[in-house]
N, C-alpha and C. Protein backbone atom coordinates (compact mmCIF):
# COMPACT_ATOMS: atom_id res chain seq x y z
N MET A 1 45.87 26.10 -44.68
CA MET A 1 44.80 25.35 -44.35
C MET A 1 44.90 23.73 -44.36
N ASP A 2 45.57 23.39 -45.01
CA ASP A 2 46.01 22.16 -45.39
C ASP A 2 46.47 21.36 -43.98
N ILE A 3 47.06 22.34 -43.06
CA ILE A 3 47.97 21.86 -41.92
C ILE A 3 46.96 21.30 -40.77
N TYR A 4 45.56 22.17 -41.04
CA TYR A 4 44.24 21.51 -40.14
C TYR A 4 44.13 20.24 -40.41
N LEU A 5 43.97 19.80 -41.96
CA LEU A 5 43.85 18.46 -42.33
C LEU A 5 44.81 17.28 -41.91
N TYR A 6 45.94 18.00 -41.78
CA TYR A 6 46.53 16.80 -41.46
C TYR A 6 46.72 16.69 -39.99
N ILE A 7 46.60 17.74 -39.23
CA ILE A 7 46.27 17.64 -37.73
C ILE A 7 45.14 16.96 -37.29
N ASP A 8 43.96 16.80 -38.11
CA ASP A 8 42.68 16.00 -38.04
C ASP A 8 43.07 14.49 -38.31
N VAL A 9 43.69 14.52 -39.14
CA VAL A 9 44.18 12.88 -39.80
C VAL A 9 44.78 12.03 -38.41
N ALA A 10 45.89 12.92 -38.21
CA ALA A 10 46.80 12.62 -36.91
C ALA A 10 46.02 12.09 -35.93
N MET A 11 44.95 13.10 -35.41
CA MET A 11 44.30 12.71 -34.21
C MET A 11 43.29 11.55 -34.19
N VAL A 12 42.70 11.44 -35.56
CA VAL A 12 42.12 10.41 -35.86
C VAL A 12 42.88 8.89 -35.80
N LEU A 13 44.02 9.10 -36.23
CA LEU A 13 44.77 8.04 -36.09
C LEU A 13 45.21 7.63 -34.65
N LEU A 14 45.55 8.89 -33.93
CA LEU A 14 45.90 8.50 -32.53
C LEU A 14 44.69 7.90 -31.82
N ALA A 15 43.84 8.55 -32.29
CA ALA A 15 42.15 7.86 -31.41
C ALA A 15 41.90 6.40 -31.75
N LEU A 16 42.38 6.05 -32.91
CA LEU A 16 42.24 4.80 -33.32
C LEU A 16 43.29 3.90 -32.67
N VAL A 17 44.33 4.19 -32.32
CA VAL A 17 45.37 3.53 -31.97
C VAL A 17 45.17 3.42 -30.26
N GLU A 18 44.38 4.43 -29.78
CA GLU A 18 44.24 4.25 -28.19
C GLU A 18 42.97 3.56 -28.28
N ILE A 19 41.93 3.31 -28.95
CA ILE A 19 40.69 2.48 -28.97
C ILE A 19 41.55 0.91 -29.07
N LEU A 20 42.12 0.71 -30.16
CA LEU A 20 42.63 -0.72 -30.22
C LEU A 20 43.45 -1.09 -29.12
N ARG A 21 44.12 -0.13 -28.33
CA ARG A 21 45.32 -0.57 -26.98
C ARG A 21 43.96 -0.86 -25.84
N ILE A 22 43.24 0.08 -25.90
CA ILE A 22 41.76 -0.35 -24.64
C ILE A 22 41.28 -1.99 -25.06
N THR A 23 41.16 -1.91 -26.14
CA THR A 23 40.39 -3.37 -26.75
C THR A 23 41.37 -4.22 -26.16
N LEU A 24 42.48 -4.43 -26.64
CA LEU A 24 43.53 -5.07 -26.06
C LEU A 24 43.92 -5.25 -24.61
N ILE A 25 43.62 -4.36 -23.97
CA ILE A 25 43.67 -4.41 -22.38
C ILE A 25 42.48 -5.06 -21.96
N ILE A 26 41.05 -4.77 -22.54
CA ILE A 26 39.98 -5.56 -22.18
C ILE A 26 40.11 -7.11 -22.44
N ILE A 27 40.61 -7.35 -23.64
CA ILE A 27 40.59 -8.75 -23.71
C ILE A 27 41.76 -9.37 -22.97
N GLU A 28 43.04 -8.75 -22.25
CA GLU A 28 43.62 -9.55 -21.36
C GLU A 28 43.08 -9.37 -20.41
N ASN A 29 42.16 -8.69 -19.93
CA ASN A 29 41.36 -8.63 -18.75
C ASN A 29 40.61 -9.87 -18.65
N VAL A 30 40.05 -9.96 -19.54
CA VAL A 30 39.01 -10.96 -19.48
C VAL A 30 39.59 -12.41 -19.30
N LYS A 31 40.95 -12.44 -20.23
CA LYS A 31 41.62 -13.70 -20.13
C LYS A 31 42.22 -13.72 -18.54
N ASP A 32 42.67 -12.60 -17.90
CA ASP A 32 43.27 -12.99 -16.79
C ASP A 32 42.31 -12.77 -15.83
N THR A 33 42.20 -13.66 -14.78
CA THR A 33 41.10 -13.54 -13.94
C THR A 33 41.93 -13.35 -12.30
N SER A 34 42.97 -13.04 -12.27
CA SER A 34 43.76 -12.93 -11.01
C SER A 34 43.47 -11.57 -10.67
N SER A 35 43.98 -11.34 -9.42
CA SER A 35 44.16 -10.20 -8.58
C SER A 35 44.35 -8.82 -9.35
N HIS A 36 45.16 -8.83 -10.25
CA HIS A 36 45.02 -7.59 -11.06
C HIS A 36 44.08 -7.09 -12.04
N THR A 37 42.71 -7.61 -11.76
CA THR A 37 41.88 -7.19 -12.25
C THR A 37 41.12 -5.56 -12.08
N GLN A 38 41.19 -5.33 -10.98
CA GLN A 38 40.72 -4.10 -10.35
C GLN A 38 41.67 -2.91 -11.16
N TRP A 39 42.94 -3.48 -11.02
CA TRP A 39 44.17 -2.48 -11.53
C TRP A 39 43.94 -2.26 -13.23
N SER A 40 43.49 -3.27 -13.74
CA SER A 40 43.09 -3.07 -15.11
C SER A 40 41.92 -2.51 -15.43
N THR A 41 41.23 -2.64 -14.56
CA THR A 41 39.84 -1.81 -14.78
C THR A 41 40.03 -0.39 -14.76
N SER A 42 40.88 0.00 -13.78
CA SER A 42 41.12 1.57 -13.60
C SER A 42 41.88 2.06 -14.55
N VAL A 43 42.79 1.31 -15.39
CA VAL A 43 43.58 1.76 -16.35
C VAL A 43 42.53 2.01 -17.48
N VAL A 44 41.44 0.81 -18.06
CA VAL A 44 40.78 1.20 -18.86
C VAL A 44 39.90 2.10 -18.78
N ALA A 45 39.39 2.47 -17.48
CA ALA A 45 38.80 3.66 -17.53
C ALA A 45 39.37 5.07 -17.66
N LEU A 46 40.65 4.98 -17.15
CA LEU A 46 41.57 6.37 -17.29
C LEU A 46 41.62 6.48 -19.00
N ASP A 47 41.97 5.39 -19.78
CA ASP A 47 42.33 5.50 -21.17
C ASP A 47 41.15 6.01 -21.66
N SER A 48 39.99 5.43 -21.59
CA SER A 48 38.52 5.83 -22.27
C SER A 48 38.39 7.47 -21.97
N PHE A 49 38.75 7.77 -20.73
CA PHE A 49 38.69 9.32 -20.63
C PHE A 49 39.44 10.10 -21.64
N ARG A 50 40.63 9.60 -21.64
CA ARG A 50 41.57 10.20 -22.57
C ARG A 50 41.09 10.34 -23.85
N VAL A 51 40.63 9.28 -24.37
CA VAL A 51 40.29 8.86 -25.71
C VAL A 51 38.92 9.76 -25.79
N SER A 52 37.92 10.15 -24.92
CA SER A 52 36.72 10.99 -25.00
C SER A 52 37.33 12.37 -25.05
N ILE A 53 38.62 12.47 -24.49
CA ILE A 53 39.10 13.83 -24.64
C ILE A 53 39.84 14.18 -26.29
N VAL A 54 40.28 13.23 -26.71
CA VAL A 54 40.74 13.25 -27.83
C VAL A 54 39.75 13.33 -29.03
N ALA A 55 38.70 12.84 -28.69
CA ALA A 55 37.47 12.76 -29.73
C ALA A 55 36.90 14.03 -29.47
N SER A 56 36.73 14.68 -28.68
CA SER A 56 36.02 15.72 -28.59
C SER A 56 37.04 16.92 -29.07
N SER A 57 38.08 16.72 -29.23
CA SER A 57 38.80 18.01 -29.95
C SER A 57 38.64 17.93 -31.11
N PHE A 58 38.17 16.82 -31.89
CA PHE A 58 37.82 16.69 -33.37
C PHE A 58 36.85 17.49 -33.62
N SER A 59 35.75 17.61 -32.97
CA SER A 59 34.57 18.60 -33.33
C SER A 59 34.63 19.71 -32.74
N CYS A 60 35.65 20.22 -32.15
CA CYS A 60 36.00 21.43 -32.08
C CYS A 60 36.50 22.14 -33.38
N THR A 61 37.35 21.49 -34.11
CA THR A 61 38.13 21.94 -35.22
C THR A 61 37.07 22.05 -36.43
């Protein structure tokens, strides 16, 4: 039964790392006003989708 607790803790840490990474991408995107803005926005959208999938897996356990 303890293994499920460890898995949940690992998933929470993974989600926190992903959220921090997305935050850094957003900060870099704000600083950078070059032509790469559209590409960075797409990356943020994909990462947000992945975080929402990870977050939804918590609620199922």
